[in-house]
Amino acid sequence: MPKLGPDVVTELGLRELLELGHRIVVICLKPPVKKGTVFYGLWGIRCVSGDGESDRVLVISMRSSKIPDRPRVFKTLNGVASFLYSLDFGTVCIPMHEGRSAIHTPSQDRTAES
């Protein structure tokens, strides 16, 4: 895993942590507004260990160490769903109210689809 601060993780690191039993928490940062057929809002992702001791924010992968870590924020409902699907979550739950969160556990998701 790349060397980052103790409370952040990149997408590559997130994939590795999921294999080790970590969970993903999707947090609604700004309630969505529907424009046409698309919901626009703000959502963030956290990665939490099974025992709850480790809690990391998903950040944008930067190549330069001069640029500080920036949280990765999703601006559309479809963007969040697509990201979770790319991580092999076949079932997703995305909170629609500010401050609310939804937990995604890889092992539960794979069991539910069987």
Protein backbone atom coordinates (compact mmCIF):
# COMPACT_ATOMS: atom_id res chain seq x y z
CA MET A 1 0.00 0.00 0.00
CA PRO A 2 1.32 3.51 -0.78
CA LYS A 3 2.73 5.53 2.13
CA LEU A 4 0.10 8.08 3.10
CA GLY A 5 -1.12 9.66 6.30
CA PRO A 6 -2.60 7.23 8.82
CA ASP A 7 -6.14 8.49 8.27
CA VAL A 8 -6.31 8.44 4.45
CA VAL A 9 -6.35 5.80 1.71
CA THR A 10 -6.23 5.84 -2.10
CA GLU A 11 -8.45 3.68 -4.30
CA LEU A 12 -5.68 1.09 -4.70
CA GLY A 13 -5.17 0.95 -0.93
CA LEU A 14 -8.93 0.75 -0.42
CA ARG A 15 -9.12 -2.33 -2.64
CA GLU A 16 -6.36 -3.97 -0.58
CA LEU A 17 -8.07 -3.12 2.71
CA LEU A 18 -11.39 -4.56 1.48
CA GLU A 19 -9.61 -7.86 0.90
CA LEU A 20 -8.50 -7.71 4.55
CA GLY A 21 -12.07 -7.34 5.82
CA HIS A 22 -12.51 -3.57 5.98
CA ARG A 23 -15.90 -2.00 5.27
CA ILE A 24 -16.89 1.02 3.24
CA VAL A 25 -19.03 3.78 4.70
CA VAL A 26 -20.75 6.13 2.24
CA ILE A 27 -21.58 9.50 3.81
CA CYS A 28 -23.96 12.09 2.37
CA LEU A 29 -22.19 15.45 2.62
CA LYS A 30 -24.82 17.47 0.75
CA PRO A 31 -28.37 16.28 0.06
CA PRO A 32 -29.01 15.52 -3.60
CA VAL A 33 -31.14 17.59 -5.94
CA LYS A 34 -32.76 15.98 -8.97
CA LYS A 35 -32.05 17.73 -12.28
CA GLY A 36 -33.64 15.90 -15.17
CA THR A 37 -32.88 12.24 -14.58
CA VAL A 38 -29.73 12.80 -12.49
CA PHE A 39 -29.33 13.34 -8.74
CA TYR A 40 -26.57 15.85 -7.89
CA GLY A 41 -25.21 16.06 -4.35
CA LEU A 42 -21.98 15.31 -2.50
CA TRP A 43 -20.92 11.97 -1.05
CA GLY A 44 -17.71 10.87 0.63
CA ILE A 45 -16.24 7.44 1.30
CA ARG A 46 -14.56 6.16 4.45
CA CYS A 47 -12.87 2.81 4.98
CA VAL A 48 -13.32 1.28 8.43
CA SER A 49 -11.67 -1.83 9.82
CA GLY A 50 -13.81 -4.71 11.05
CA ASP A 51 -13.08 -3.84 14.67
CA GLY A 52 -13.72 -0.13 14.09
CA GLU A 53 -10.24 0.87 15.25
CA SER A 54 -9.02 2.13 11.86
CA ASP A 55 -11.00 4.80 10.00
CA ARG A 56 -9.62 6.26 6.76
CA VAL A 57 -10.93 8.82 4.26
CA LEU A 58 -10.74 7.96 0.57
CA VAL A 59 -8.49 10.53 -1.13
CA ILE A 60 -7.60 11.41 -4.68
CA SER A 61 -4.39 9.68 -5.74
CA MET A 62 -1.77 12.37 -6.25
CA ARG A 63 1.61 11.78 -7.85
CA SER A 64 3.30 14.73 -6.21
CA SER A 65 3.97 14.75 -2.50
CA LYS A 66 3.83 18.56 -2.63
CA ILE A 67 0.06 18.45 -3.09
CA PRO A 68 -1.82 17.64 0.14
CA ASP A 69 -4.28 14.76 0.19
CA ARG A 70 -7.76 15.82 -0.94
CA PRO A 71 -10.83 13.76 -0.06
CA ARG A 72 -12.42 12.11 -3.07
CA VAL A 73 -15.95 13.46 -3.38
CA PHE A 74 -18.64 12.09 -5.66
CA LYS A 75 -21.04 14.63 -7.15
CA THR A 76 -23.69 12.31 -8.61
CA LEU A 77 -25.65 9.35 -7.34
CA ASN A 78 -24.54 7.46 -10.45
CA GLY A 79 -20.90 8.24 -9.68
CA VAL A 80 -21.15 6.71 -6.20
CA ALA A 81 -23.02 3.64 -7.49
CA SER A 82 -20.52 3.13 -10.32
CA PHE A 83 -17.59 3.38 -7.92
CA LEU A 84 -19.09 0.84 -5.50
CA TYR A 85 -19.90 -1.50 -8.39
CA SER A 86 -16.28 -1.26 -9.57
CA LEU A 87 -15.30 -2.54 -6.11
CA ASP A 88 -17.51 -5.64 -6.64
CA PHE A 89 -20.47 -4.44 -4.57
CA GLY A 90 -23.49 -5.78 -6.42
CA THR A 91 -25.92 -4.20 -3.97
CA VAL A 92 -25.51 -0.57 -2.94
CA CYS A 93 -27.23 1.71 -0.46
CA ILE A 94 -26.61 5.43 -0.83
CA PRO A 95 -27.81 7.87 1.83
CA MET A 96 -29.87 10.80 0.54
CA HIS A 97 -29.90 13.02 3.66
CA GLU A 98 -26.97 15.11 4.87
CA GLY A 99 -25.01 13.45 7.65
CA ARG A 100 -26.51 10.02 7.08
CA SER A 101 -24.32 7.05 6.16
CA ALA A 102 -24.57 3.54 4.78
CA ILE A 103 -22.16 0.67 5.49
CA HIS A 104 -21.09 -1.78 2.79
CA THR A 105 -19.42 -5.04 3.79
CA PRO A 106 -17.92 -7.07 0.93
CA SER A 107 -18.57 -10.51 2.42
CA GLN A 108 -22.25 -9.74 3.14
CA ASP A 109 -22.72 -8.41 -0.39
CA ARG A 110 -21.26 -11.51 -2.03
CA THR A 111 -23.41 -13.76 0.16
CA ALA A 112 -26.59 -11.83 -0.67
CA GLU A 113 -26.07 -12.36 -4.40
CA SER A 114 -25.57 -16.13 -4.14
